[in-house]
Amino acid sequence: MSADFDAGVIDGTATDFSELALAPSCVVLSQCTGTAVQDLDGTLDIDGSIAGSSFSFDTTGTLTGDDLANGGTVVADVDVSGDGFFHETIDGDLIAGGIGNGTAVLSSGAGLDVVDATGFLVVRE
């Protein structure tokens, strides 16, 4: 991901995704724990705008993985939007962190399903 503070835009791609099963007691997002279910292949495009030390973003693309419930492959068309912030660490590194919400349209041998999608965007220089 690149950030052009002068032009006020961010763009790039994201890869290396994992599906997590969150603990049933997950009420406050920062206190949630999860178990990795599977890694997902594919790329999501990230586009957004910068205002000061915060940013907003839209993420779209297609991910593929195993249909663990029904067997075969599942394809997820993802559309997530969110907000985040930039922060400089004590070491002088720039970190971007954001939370997004949207939908994923899942298609597999079991048919189509639209589910809520929540994502975390963390980028470190």
Foldseek 3Di string as FASTA:
>chain_A
DDADVVVFKDWDKDFWAFDWDWDPVPDDPVPIDTDTDGIKGWMWIWIWGHDPFKIKIWIWTKIKDAPVVPGDIKIWTDIKIWMWGWDADPVRKIKIKIKIKDWIWIQDPVGTDIDIDIDIDIDID
